[in-house]
Amino acid sequence: MPAGDLWTRARRATEQMEQHLAAIAHLADERAMAIQELLDGGLTRAEVARGLGVTPAVITKILKRPVVAGAAR
């Protein structure tokens, strides 16, 4: 395969990875905001964790992650 084609493939893959990472960050923000709303509505971390199939420690970790600017609607 010519070297030029390899550069194109590598650049295209990099661009797609960046797009996917941005989408993942947005989804992580959505999840964190929804979890916070569940907690604000009176559920405990343990209840939210059970509902999501994770541990309360995971809920704590999710909520400690900063929300990406502009993700809130």
Protein backbone atom coordinates (compact mmCIF):
# COMPACT_ATOMS: atom_id res chain seq x y z
CA MET A 1 0.00 0.00 0.00
CA PRO A 2 1.41 3.43 -0.92
CA ALA A 3 2.59 5.58 2.01
CA GLY A 4 0.13 8.35 1.08
CA ASP A 5 -2.79 5.97 1.59
CA LEU A 6 -1.47 5.03 5.01
CA TRP A 7 -1.27 8.67 6.06
CA THR A 8 -4.84 9.19 4.88
CA ARG A 9 -6.05 6.14 6.83
CA ALA A 10 -4.23 7.27 9.96
CA ARG A 11 -5.63 10.82 9.74
CA ARG A 12 -9.15 9.57 9.06
CA ALA A 13 -8.95 7.20 12.03
CA THR A 14 -7.71 10.03 14.25
CA GLU A 15 -10.59 12.28 13.21
CA GLN A 16 -13.13 9.53 13.86
CA MET A 17 -11.60 8.77 17.26
CA GLU A 18 -11.86 12.44 18.25
CA GLN A 19 -15.53 12.50 17.23
CA HIS A 20 -16.27 9.34 19.22
CA LEU A 21 -14.42 10.61 22.27
CA ALA A 22 -16.45 13.83 22.19
CA ALA A 23 -19.67 11.80 21.97
CA ILE A 24 -18.58 9.60 24.89
CA ALA A 25 -17.80 12.68 26.99
CA HIS A 26 -21.24 14.10 26.20
CA LEU A 27 -22.94 10.84 27.16
CA ALA A 28 -20.95 10.69 30.40
CA ASP A 29 -22.18 14.20 31.21
CA GLU A 30 -25.77 13.22 30.45
CA ARG A 31 -25.46 10.19 32.73
CA ALA A 32 -23.93 12.23 35.57
CA MET A 33 -26.63 14.90 35.32
CA ALA A 34 -29.41 12.28 35.32
CA ILE A 35 -27.85 10.55 38.34
CA GLN A 36 -27.63 13.85 40.18
CA GLU A 37 -31.29 14.54 39.43
CA LEU A 38 -32.22 11.09 40.80
CA LEU A 39 -30.30 11.88 43.98
CA ASP A 40 -31.87 15.33 44.19
CA GLY A 41 -35.26 13.61 43.86
CA GLY A 42 -34.63 11.66 47.04
CA LEU A 43 -33.02 8.39 45.96
CA THR A 44 -29.91 7.20 47.75
CA ARG A 45 -26.64 6.40 46.00
CA ALA A 46 -27.25 2.74 46.80
CA GLU A 47 -30.68 2.85 45.13
CA VAL A 48 -29.31 4.58 42.04
CA ALA A 49 -26.42 2.13 41.91
CA ARG A 50 -28.78 -0.86 42.09
CA GLY A 51 -30.92 0.62 39.33
CA LEU A 52 -27.90 1.01 37.07
CA GLY A 53 -26.27 -2.28 38.02
CA VAL A 54 -23.18 -0.69 39.52
CA THR A 55 -21.82 -0.11 43.01
CA PRO A 56 -22.33 3.07 45.06
CA ALA A 57 -18.60 3.69 44.65
CA VAL A 58 -19.11 3.91 40.88
CA ILE A 59 -21.86 6.48 41.42
CA THR A 60 -19.45 8.54 43.53
CA LYS A 61 -16.78 8.31 40.83
CA ILE A 62 -19.25 9.32 38.11
CA LEU A 63 -20.30 12.38 40.07
CA LYS A 64 -16.70 13.47 40.78
CA ARG A 65 -15.90 13.69 37.07
CA PRO A 66 -16.20 17.29 35.88
CA VAL A 67 -18.98 18.03 33.42
CA VAL A 68 -17.64 19.17 30.03
CA ALA A 69 -18.47 22.81 29.33
CA GLY A 70 -21.47 23.24 27.08
CA ALA A 71 -22.81 19.75 27.67
CA ALA A 72 -25.76 20.90 29.75
CA ARG A 73 -28.86 21.71 27.76
